[in-house]
Amino acid sequence: MTTGRGGRTVRDLRRGNRSAVLQRLYFGGPMSRQELGPATGLSSGSVSNVVGELVADGLLEEAGVVDSDGGRPRTLLRVAPGSAHMIGVDVGETRVRVELFDLALTELARTELPLQPRGCYDVGPIVDHVRTGITAVLAQARVGTDRLLGVGVGVPGIVDREAPGGTVVHGQTIGWDAVPLEALLRATGAVPPEVPYIIDNGARTLGQAEMWFGAGRGAREAVVVLFGSGVGASLITDGSPDGETTEGTPLEWGHLTVSVRGRRCRCGALGCLEAYTGAESLLARWAERGGGAADAADEEEALSALLAAAVAADPVALEVLEETAEYLGAGLSDVINLFRPERILIGGWAGLLLGPHILPAVREHAARYSLRHPGDRVTIGLGSLGPDAVTVGAATLPLSAFFATGGRPAPRPPRPEAPGWRTSLEVRAGSAARRP
């Protein structure tokens, strides 16, 4: 293999050229061959060669023609939506949501499987839900796995992709102690061995979705908050104006200490931000003060009941919301002072539900607690992709790998089974269960 400058091979250069063309067409919309040269920095000859390869592979298709000044009409090209599929999985607080998308991230099928009892994070049932969901969405859309780029999975906790045996999840707040989730999912046989599972923190998948397609598009430094039963965040420090392949760093922001010897958090520590701002804590504080919705089916219904009480001017509900807004604003001020983002976006089911009611107060408290200069340059708003944003973001994980390889499957080395874990569903449901 010929090696060029910087140790790059001809294969590396071709892959990079394919990736540049795919990304520019994906994020920039249909373009002609003539426009692709300046947009990608490639020569006209390189563009012609790459486009020819990608059309032959079925990844590009014609998208109409446009008139050119004094010349022949130019053919527009776009990424072919039906040329590949991705599955996104959101392991949430009350349900596991699974969605199938085409390459343009148009939803083709979905299913939601509830967690019973609510907030139950036993590993075995969750793995079963993911397997069932994958099978269901493929059947609904009547597609096979031959064009499936991968399965992206957003989960709570710290994700270690370098662990022996595949990705391991450390989810202290949900009782997951080094759970070898990739090995467990692979053992279900829901997808063929060549189809990768790509697992990441749910706040990061939310952040990537909002930066690529939502309210974060165009920002270079942003923080995207996942506000659900608990709270987390993703930090983006290298965003691009057009949203291309922006990646974030997950932050365990919910476990900043905001009150020494304060309320006990689900992680076991005292005084965490999550113990004052997460929906689980918010509802607990409402109940402690004589409120609550004992007959609510889940946290979403209970939180809706609290908001209804606040709208009706119930003083306890109003007090709980105001207290939550102040803690959330104070927590955001730490992020503002530390990272100086230009934009903060709040998403997650609880954030989107509470946002219209508490966002003005959150902004006010964030400004009061933060330093003036970084506080003056930041805007705080809601995410724009709705409750499916984590699932969409999970689907972008295999899409990122697709771009990185220039639209060709990446070689997948064999993964040994994670040490100490057997793979039958019965054993997984027992030995991998949530610890008390």
Protein backbone atom coordinates (compact mmCIF):
# COMPACT_ATOMS: atom_id res chain seq x y z
CA MET A 1 0.00 0.00 0.00
CA THR A 2 1.42 3.38 -1.06
CA THR A 3 2.06 5.76 1.80
CA GLY A 4 1.83 9.52 1.38
CA ARG A 5 2.71 12.48 3.52
CA GLY A 6 1.97 12.10 7.22
CA GLY A 7 1.92 8.33 6.92
CA ARG A 8 -1.50 8.31 5.23
CA THR A 9 -2.10 5.57 2.70
CA VAL A 10 -3.97 5.92 -0.57
CA ARG A 11 -6.81 4.03 1.12
CA ASP A 12 -6.83 6.59 3.95
CA LEU A 13 -6.98 9.45 1.45
CA ARG A 14 -9.83 7.84 -0.49
CA ARG A 15 -11.76 7.19 2.71
CA GLY A 16 -11.23 10.81 3.80
CA ASN A 17 -12.44 12.09 0.42
CA ARG A 18 -15.53 9.90 0.55
CA SER A 19 -16.23 11.06 4.08
CA ALA A 20 -15.88 14.74 3.10
CA VAL A 21 -18.33 14.39 0.22
CA LEU A 22 -20.86 12.39 2.25
CA GLN A 23 -20.82 14.82 5.16
CA ARG A 24 -21.08 17.91 2.98
CA LEU A 25 -24.08 16.50 1.10
CA TYR A 26 -25.67 15.22 4.29
CA PHE A 27 -25.47 18.46 6.26
CA GLY A 28 -25.41 20.94 3.38
CA GLY A 29 -28.30 19.61 1.34
CA PRO A 30 -28.30 18.68 -2.35
CA MET A 31 -25.33 20.03 -4.32
CA SER A 32 -23.93 19.72 -7.80
CA ARG A 33 -20.52 18.22 -8.54
CA GLN A 34 -19.28 21.71 -9.34
CA GLU A 35 -20.35 23.00 -5.90
CA LEU A 36 -18.81 20.05 -4.08
CA GLY A 37 -15.26 21.01 -5.10
CA PRO A 38 -15.13 24.37 -3.25
CA ALA A 39 -17.28 22.99 -0.42
CA THR A 40 -14.93 20.08 0.31
CA GLY A 41 -11.60 21.45 -0.89
CA LEU A 42 -11.22 18.57 -3.34
CA SER A 43 -10.19 18.87 -6.97
CA SER A 44 -12.79 18.39 -9.69
CA GLY A 45 -11.14 15.10 -10.62
CA SER A 46 -11.29 13.83 -7.03
CA VAL A 47 -14.93 14.88 -6.72
CA SER A 48 -15.79 13.08 -9.95
CA ASN A 49 -14.05 9.88 -8.80
CA VAL A 50 -15.59 9.92 -5.33
CA VAL A 51 -19.08 10.71 -6.58
CA GLY A 52 -18.79 7.88 -9.11
CA GLU A 53 -17.85 5.43 -6.33
CA LEU A 54 -20.63 6.58 -4.02
CA VAL A 55 -23.26 6.43 -6.77
CA ALA A 56 -22.08 2.93 -7.68
CA ASP A 57 -22.36 1.94 -4.00
CA GLY A 58 -25.93 3.23 -3.95
CA LEU A 59 -25.15 5.90 -1.33
CA LEU A 60 -25.80 8.94 -3.54
CA GLU A 61 -28.69 9.66 -5.86
CA GLU A 62 -29.81 12.46 -8.15
CA ALA A 63 -32.06 15.12 -6.60
CA GLY A 64 -33.09 17.22 -9.60
CA VAL A 65 -31.31 19.79 -11.74
CA VAL A 66 -30.63 23.52 -11.52
CA ASP A 67 -29.88 26.01 -14.26
CA SER A 68 -26.34 27.32 -14.51
CA ASP A 69 -25.24 30.70 -15.86
CA GLY A 70 -24.71 30.25 -19.57
CA GLY A 71 -24.10 26.51 -19.39
CA ARG A 72 -25.84 23.18 -19.21
CA PRO A 73 -28.14 22.48 -16.26
CA ARG A 74 -26.33 20.96 -13.30
CA THR A 75 -27.45 17.74 -11.66
CA LEU A 76 -27.92 17.90 -7.90
CA LEU A 77 -26.80 15.02 -5.70
CA ARG A 78 -27.93 13.94 -2.27
CA VAL A 79 -27.33 11.09 0.14
CA ALA A 80 -29.83 8.35 -0.70
CA PRO A 81 -32.13 8.01 2.35
CA GLY A 82 -33.01 4.36 1.70
CA SER A 83 -29.43 3.21 1.26
CA ALA A 84 -28.96 2.41 4.95
CA HIS A 85 -30.79 2.19 8.28
CA MET A 86 -29.93 2.90 11.92
CA ILE A 87 -31.61 1.89 15.17
CA GLY A 88 -31.65 4.22 18.18
CA VAL A 89 -32.41 3.00 21.70
CA ASP A 90 -33.16 5.19 24.72
CA VAL A 91 -32.92 3.35 28.05
CA GLY A 92 -35.02 5.89 29.95
CA GLU A 93 -36.44 6.22 33.43
CA THR A 94 -39.87 4.77 32.75
CA ARG A 95 -39.49 2.92 29.43
CA VAL A 96 -37.13 1.62 26.79
CA ARG A 97 -37.79 3.38 23.48
CA VAL A 98 -36.53 1.81 20.22
CA GLU A 99 -36.78 3.54 16.83
CA LEU A 100 -35.68 2.60 13.31
CA PHE A 101 -34.51 5.36 10.96
CA ASP A 102 -33.41 5.61 7.37
CA LEU A 103 -30.16 7.36 6.48
CA ALA A 104 -31.90 10.76 6.49
CA LEU A 105 -33.04 10.05 10.07
CA THR A 106 -36.66 9.76 9.03
CA GLU A 107 -38.45 7.53 11.51
CA LEU A 108 -39.61 4.27 9.93
CA ALA A 109 -40.87 2.42 13.02
CA ARG A 110 -40.91 2.66 16.80
CA THR A 111 -41.87 0.78 19.90
CA GLU A 112 -41.89 1.61 23.62
CA LEU A 113 -41.62 -1.00 26.35
CA PRO A 114 -42.45 0.12 29.92
CA LEU A 115 -40.23 -0.61 32.89
CA GLN A 116 -42.22 -2.25 35.68
CA PRO A 117 -42.14 -1.32 38.45
CA ARG A 118 -41.26 2.19 37.36
CA GLY A 119 -37.58 2.99 37.58
CA CYS A 120 -36.66 -0.71 37.73
CA TYR A 121 -33.24 -1.10 36.15
CA ASP A 122 -32.72 -4.84 36.43
CA VAL A 123 -30.34 -5.60 33.58
CA GLY A 124 -32.01 -8.77 32.33
CA PRO A 125 -35.44 -7.22 31.58
CA ILE A 126 -33.84 -4.17 29.97
CA VAL A 127 -31.71 -6.34 27.68
CA ASP A 128 -34.86 -8.31 26.80
CA HIS A 129 -36.69 -5.04 26.04
CA VAL A 130 -33.92 -3.92 23.68
CA ARG A 131 -33.95 -7.28 21.89
CA THR A 132 -37.74 -7.27 21.62
CA GLY A 133 -37.74 -3.67 20.42
CA ILE A 134 -35.15 -4.28 17.71
CA THR A 135 -37.09 -7.27 16.40
CA ALA A 136 -40.34 -5.29 16.49
CA VAL A 137 -39.16 -2.22 14.57
CA LEU A 138 -37.47 -4.29 11.87
CA ALA A 139 -40.68 -6.27 11.45
CA GLN A 140 -42.88 -3.15 11.40
CA ALA A 141 -40.81 -1.55 8.64
CA ARG A 142 -40.32 -4.86 6.83
CA VAL A 143 -36.59 -4.32 6.45
CA GLY A 144 -33.73 -6.68 7.02
CA THR A 145 -30.37 -6.18 8.66
CA ASP A 146 -28.31 -6.17 5.45
CA ARG A 147 -28.35 -2.35 5.34
CA LEU A 148 -28.30 -1.78 9.09
CA LEU A 149 -25.35 0.43 10.03
CA GLY A 150 -25.65 -0.31 13.73
CA VAL A 151 -27.65 0.00 16.93
CA GLY A 152 -26.96 3.08 19.03
CA VAL A 153 -27.92 2.87 22.71
CA GLY A 154 -28.22 5.81 25.12
CA VAL A 155 -27.93 4.83 28.79
CA PRO A 156 -27.57 6.53 32.19
CA GLY A 157 -24.12 6.42 33.75
CA ILE A 158 -20.45 6.37 32.79
CA VAL A 159 -19.67 4.38 29.64
CA ASP A 160 -16.34 2.59 29.19
CA ARG A 161 -15.87 1.54 25.57
CA GLU A 162 -12.33 0.23 26.12
CA ALA A 163 -13.21 -2.49 28.60
CA PRO A 164 -12.27 -6.10 27.77
CA GLY A 165 -15.24 -7.89 26.26
CA GLY A 166 -16.91 -4.74 24.97
CA THR A 167 -18.57 -1.64 26.35
CA VAL A 168 -19.22 -1.59 30.11
CA VAL A 169 -21.63 0.75 31.90
CA HIS A 170 -21.04 2.12 35.41
CA GLY A 171 -24.45 3.40 36.51
CA GLN A 172 -24.20 4.08 40.22
CA THR A 173 -27.59 5.82 40.46
CA ILE A 174 -29.40 2.85 38.91
CA GLY A 175 -27.44 0.08 40.63
CA TRP A 176 -25.31 -0.94 37.64
CA ASP A 177 -21.80 -1.89 38.74
CA ALA A 178 -19.61 -2.46 35.66
CA VAL A 179 -22.40 -4.04 33.62
CA PRO A 180 -21.00 -5.51 30.35
CA LEU A 181 -23.93 -4.23 28.34
CA GLU A 182 -22.45 -4.76 24.88
CA ALA A 183 -21.72 -8.44 25.57
CA LEU A 184 -25.22 -8.96 26.99
CA LEU A 185 -26.89 -7.31 24.00
CA ARG A 186 -24.69 -9.19 21.55
CA ALA A 187 -25.66 -12.49 23.20
CA THR A 188 -29.35 -11.95 22.40
CA GLY A 189 -28.73 -12.47 18.68
CA ALA A 190 -31.09 -9.61 17.79
CA VAL A 191 -28.72 -8.48 15.02
CA PRO A 192 -25.96 -10.33 13.14
CA PRO A 193 -22.40 -10.20 14.55
CA GLU A 194 -21.25 -7.73 11.89
CA VAL A 195 -23.80 -5.11 13.02
CA PRO A 196 -22.23 -3.06 15.84
CA TYR A 197 -23.80 -1.96 19.09
CA ILE A 198 -22.54 1.54 19.95
CA ILE A 199 -23.35 2.51 23.53
CA ASP A 200 -23.00 5.97 25.03
CA ASN A 201 -24.26 8.21 27.80
CA GLY A 202 -27.80 9.44 27.18
CA ALA A 203 -26.92 13.09 27.83
CA ARG A 204 -24.24 12.88 25.15
CA THR A 205 -26.62 11.37 22.60
CA LEU A 206 -29.13 14.12 23.41
CA GLY A 207 -26.41 16.72 22.96
CA GLN A 208 -25.30 15.32 19.62
CA ALA A 209 -28.89 15.28 18.31
CA GLU A 210 -29.52 18.89 19.31
CA MET A 211 -26.18 20.05 17.89
CA TRP A 212 -26.65 18.24 14.58
CA PHE A 213 -30.32 18.89 13.95
CA GLY A 214 -31.86 20.96 16.75
CA ALA A 215 -31.53 24.13 18.77
CA GLY A 216 -27.75 23.75 19.18
CA ARG A 217 -27.04 23.98 15.46
CA GLY A 218 -24.59 26.81 14.75
CA ALA A 219 -23.14 27.01 18.28
CA ARG A 220 -19.45 26.34 18.89
CA GLU A 221 -19.57 26.02 22.68
CA ALA A 222 -22.72 24.63 24.23
CA VAL A 223 -24.03 22.61 27.16
CA VAL A 224 -27.05 20.38 26.62
CA VAL A 225 -28.87 19.29 29.79
CA LEU A 226 -30.77 16.01 30.05
CA PHE A 227 -33.44 16.66 32.68
CA GLY A 228 -35.45 13.59 33.58
CA SER A 229 -35.77 11.58 36.76
CA GLY A 230 -32.20 12.70 37.36
CA VAL A 231 -30.07 15.30 35.57
CA GLY A 232 -26.99 15.08 33.39
CA ALA A 233 -25.31 17.20 30.74
CA SER A 234 -23.12 17.11 27.67
CA LEU A 235 -20.39 19.67 27.00
CA ILE A 236 -19.62 20.67 23.41
CA THR A 237 -16.48 22.74 22.94
CA ASP A 238 -15.72 22.22 19.24
CA GLY A 239 -19.01 22.75 17.47
CA SER A 240 -19.08 23.70 13.82
CA PRO A 241 -21.44 26.31 12.34
CA ASP A 242 -23.19 23.76 10.11
CA GLY A 243 -23.46 21.09 12.83
CA GLU A 244 -21.17 18.59 11.11
CA THR A 245 -20.20 15.64 13.31
CA THR A 246 -20.07 17.65 16.51
CA GLU A 247 -19.29 15.45 19.51
CA GLY A 248 -19.73 16.21 23.17
CA THR A 249 -18.30 15.13 26.50
CA PRO A 250 -20.79 13.73 29.02
CA LEU A 251 -20.71 15.46 32.40
CA GLU A 252 -21.93 13.93 35.64
CA TRP A 253 -23.28 17.39 36.36
CA GLY A 254 -26.12 16.11 38.53
CA HIS A 255 -23.60 15.01 41.13
CA LEU A 256 -22.05 18.38 41.85
CA THR A 257 -22.41 19.09 45.57
CA VAL A 258 -24.73 22.08 46.02
CA SER A 259 -25.53 21.62 49.72
CA VAL A 260 -23.06 20.22 52.25
CA ARG A 261 -24.79 17.55 54.34
CA GLY A 262 -27.90 18.14 52.23
CA ARG A 263 -30.53 15.74 50.87
CA ARG A 264 -29.41 12.24 50.03
CA CYS A 265 -29.05 11.62 46.31
CA ARG A 266 -29.81 8.36 44.49
CA CYS A 267 -26.05 7.90 44.11
CA GLY A 268 -25.74 7.68 47.90
CA ALA A 269 -23.96 11.02 48.46
CA LEU A 270 -25.42 14.01 50.26
CA GLY A 271 -26.31 17.35 48.70
CA CYS A 272 -26.02 16.53 44.97
CA LEU A 273 -27.69 18.85 42.49
CA GLU A 274 -29.81 15.91 41.32
CA ALA A 275 -31.24 15.58 44.83
CA TYR A 276 -32.84 19.02 44.36
CA THR A 277 -33.59 19.23 40.64
CA GLY A 278 -34.33 15.74 39.26
CA ALA A 279 -37.99 14.89 38.76
CA GLU A 280 -37.76 12.05 41.29
CA SER A 281 -36.53 14.45 43.98
CA LEU A 282 -38.93 17.20 42.97
CA LEU A 283 -41.89 14.87 43.40
CA ALA A 284 -40.51 13.56 46.69
CA ARG A 285 -40.25 17.12 48.07
CA TRP A 286 -43.81 17.83 46.95
CA ALA A 287 -45.05 14.72 48.77
CA GLU A 288 -43.07 15.57 51.93
CA ARG A 289 -44.89 18.90 52.10
CA GLY A 290 -48.35 17.39 51.81
CA GLY A 291 -48.79 17.33 48.03
CA GLY A 292 -48.37 14.48 45.59
CA ALA A 293 -50.27 12.34 43.13
CA ALA A 294 -50.42 8.91 44.72
CA ASP A 295 -52.52 7.44 41.90
CA ALA A 296 -50.17 8.60 39.11
CA ALA A 297 -49.09 5.81 36.77
CA ASP A 298 -45.53 7.15 36.41
CA GLU A 299 -43.33 10.17 37.07
CA GLU A 300 -44.50 11.98 33.94
CA GLU A 301 -48.12 11.81 35.07
CA ALA A 302 -47.16 12.84 38.61
CA LEU A 303 -45.16 15.81 37.35
CA SER A 304 -48.09 16.90 35.17
CA ALA A 305 -50.25 16.82 38.29
CA LEU A 306 -47.78 19.04 40.15
CA LEU A 307 -47.78 21.54 37.28
CA ALA A 308 -51.59 21.54 37.23
CA ALA A 309 -51.56 22.31 40.98
CA ALA A 310 -49.09 25.14 40.41
CA VAL A 311 -51.24 26.62 37.63
CA ALA A 312 -54.15 26.51 40.09
CA ALA A 313 -51.98 28.58 42.49
CA ASP A 314 -51.40 25.81 45.01
CA PRO A 315 -48.79 27.37 47.33
CA VAL A 316 -46.90 24.13 48.02
CA ALA A 317 -46.57 23.27 44.33
CA LEU A 318 -45.45 26.82 43.55
CA GLU A 319 -42.88 26.70 46.33
CA VAL A 320 -41.43 23.42 45.08
CA LEU A 321 -41.17 24.73 41.51
CA GLU A 322 -39.49 27.96 42.58
CA GLU A 323 -37.01 26.07 44.74
CA THR A 324 -36.26 23.74 41.82
CA ALA A 325 -35.75 26.68 39.46
CA GLU A 326 -33.27 28.29 41.85
CA TYR A 327 -31.22 25.13 42.32
CA LEU A 328 -31.25 24.50 38.58
CA GLY A 329 -30.15 28.09 37.88
CA ALA A 330 -27.40 27.83 40.49
CA GLY A 331 -26.23 24.54 38.96
CA LEU A 332 -26.15 26.14 35.52
CA SER A 333 -24.11 29.04 36.91
CA ASP A 334 -21.36 26.55 37.79
CA VAL A 335 -21.37 25.34 34.18
CA ILE A 336 -21.33 28.94 32.94
CA ASN A 337 -18.40 29.92 35.15
CA LEU A 338 -16.39 26.78 34.38
CA PHE A 339 -16.92 26.41 30.63
CA ARG A 340 -18.33 29.76 29.40
CA PRO A 341 -20.70 28.25 26.83
CA GLU A 342 -22.52 30.48 24.37
CA ARG A 343 -25.66 28.36 24.57
CA ILE A 344 -27.34 26.11 27.16
CA LEU A 345 -30.20 23.87 26.08
CA ILE A 346 -32.49 21.97 28.42
CA GLY A 347 -34.03 18.73 27.14
CA GLY A 348 -35.31 15.43 28.49
CA TRP A 349 -38.94 14.67 29.24
CA ALA A 350 -38.98 16.56 32.56
CA GLY A 351 -37.09 19.53 31.15
CA LEU A 352 -39.49 19.90 28.25
CA LEU A 353 -42.48 19.52 30.57
CA LEU A 354 -41.22 21.98 33.19
CA GLY A 355 -39.45 24.40 30.87
CA PRO A 356 -42.39 26.61 29.87
CA HIS A 357 -43.22 27.07 33.57
CA ILE A 358 -39.80 27.62 35.15
CA LEU A 359 -37.44 28.75 32.38
CA PRO A 360 -37.72 32.51 33.10
CA ALA A 361 -36.90 31.90 36.76
CA VAL A 362 -34.03 29.54 35.82
CA ARG A 363 -32.51 32.25 33.61
CA GLU A 364 -32.87 34.81 36.39
CA HIS A 365 -31.17 32.62 38.99
CA ALA A 366 -28.41 31.55 36.59
CA ALA A 367 -27.60 35.21 35.92
CA ARG A 368 -27.62 36.01 39.63
CA TYR A 369 -25.24 33.19 40.58
CA SER A 370 -22.83 33.36 37.63
CA LEU A 371 -20.00 35.77 36.92
CA ARG A 372 -21.13 38.77 34.89
CA HIS A 373 -18.98 38.35 31.78
CA PRO A 374 -19.74 34.66 31.00
CA GLY A 375 -23.29 35.14 32.24
CA ASP A 376 -23.94 37.98 29.80
CA ARG A 377 -22.88 36.00 26.73
CA VAL A 378 -24.87 32.80 27.33
CA THR A 379 -28.41 32.07 26.22
CA ILE A 380 -30.54 29.46 28.01
CA GLY A 381 -33.37 27.77 26.15
CA LEU A 382 -35.14 24.49 25.51
CA GLY A 383 -34.11 21.76 23.10
CA SER A 384 -36.16 21.64 19.92
CA LEU A 385 -36.24 17.92 19.10
CA GLY A 386 -38.79 16.87 21.70
CA PRO A 387 -38.87 13.71 23.83
CA ASP A 388 -37.35 11.54 21.07
CA ALA A 389 -34.06 13.47 21.07
CA VAL A 390 -32.10 10.81 23.00
CA THR A 391 -33.25 8.12 20.57
CA VAL A 392 -32.37 10.28 17.56
CA GLY A 393 -28.99 11.00 19.13
CA ALA A 394 -28.41 7.30 19.75
CA ALA A 395 -29.05 6.66 16.05
CA THR A 396 -26.37 9.23 15.17
CA LEU A 397 -23.75 7.03 16.83
CA PRO A 398 -23.65 4.48 13.97
CA LEU A 399 -24.16 7.38 11.55
CA SER A 400 -20.94 9.00 12.87
CA ALA A 401 -19.09 5.74 12.26
CA PHE A 402 -20.58 5.63 8.75
CA PHE A 403 -19.13 9.07 8.00
CA ALA A 404 -15.77 8.23 9.58
CA THR A 405 -15.34 5.19 7.32
CA GLY A 406 -16.43 6.99 4.17
CA GLY A 407 -19.62 4.98 3.96
CA ARG A 408 -17.95 1.61 4.15
CA PRO A 409 -18.44 -0.92 6.96
CA ALA A 410 -15.71 -0.67 9.55
CA PRO A 411 -13.88 -3.91 10.36
CA ARG A 412 -15.16 -5.26 13.65
CA PRO A 413 -12.68 -7.30 15.67
CA PRO A 414 -14.11 -10.29 17.53
CA ARG A 415 -15.16 -9.48 21.07
CA PRO A 416 -14.70 -12.08 23.80
CA GLU A 417 -17.49 -12.59 26.27
CA ALA A 418 -17.11 -10.31 29.27
CA PRO A 419 -15.35 -12.10 32.13
CA GLY A 420 -17.58 -13.47 34.81
CA TRP A 421 -20.85 -13.03 32.89
CA ARG A 422 -22.83 -15.87 31.38
CA THR A 423 -25.27 -15.20 28.61
CA SER A 424 -28.54 -17.06 29.23
CA LEU A 425 -31.48 -14.75 29.83
CA GLU A 426 -32.29 -16.39 33.17
CA VAL A 427 -28.77 -15.88 34.51
CA ARG A 428 -28.63 -12.31 33.23
CA ALA A 429 -31.92 -11.45 34.84
CA GLY A 430 -30.61 -12.71 38.17
CA SER A 431 -26.88 -12.12 38.45
CA ALA A 432 -26.91 -8.83 36.54
CA ALA A 433 -29.88 -7.45 38.42
CA ARG A 434 -29.95 -4.14 40.15
CA ARG A 435 -28.20 -4.24 43.49
CA PRO A 436 -30.15 -3.14 46.52
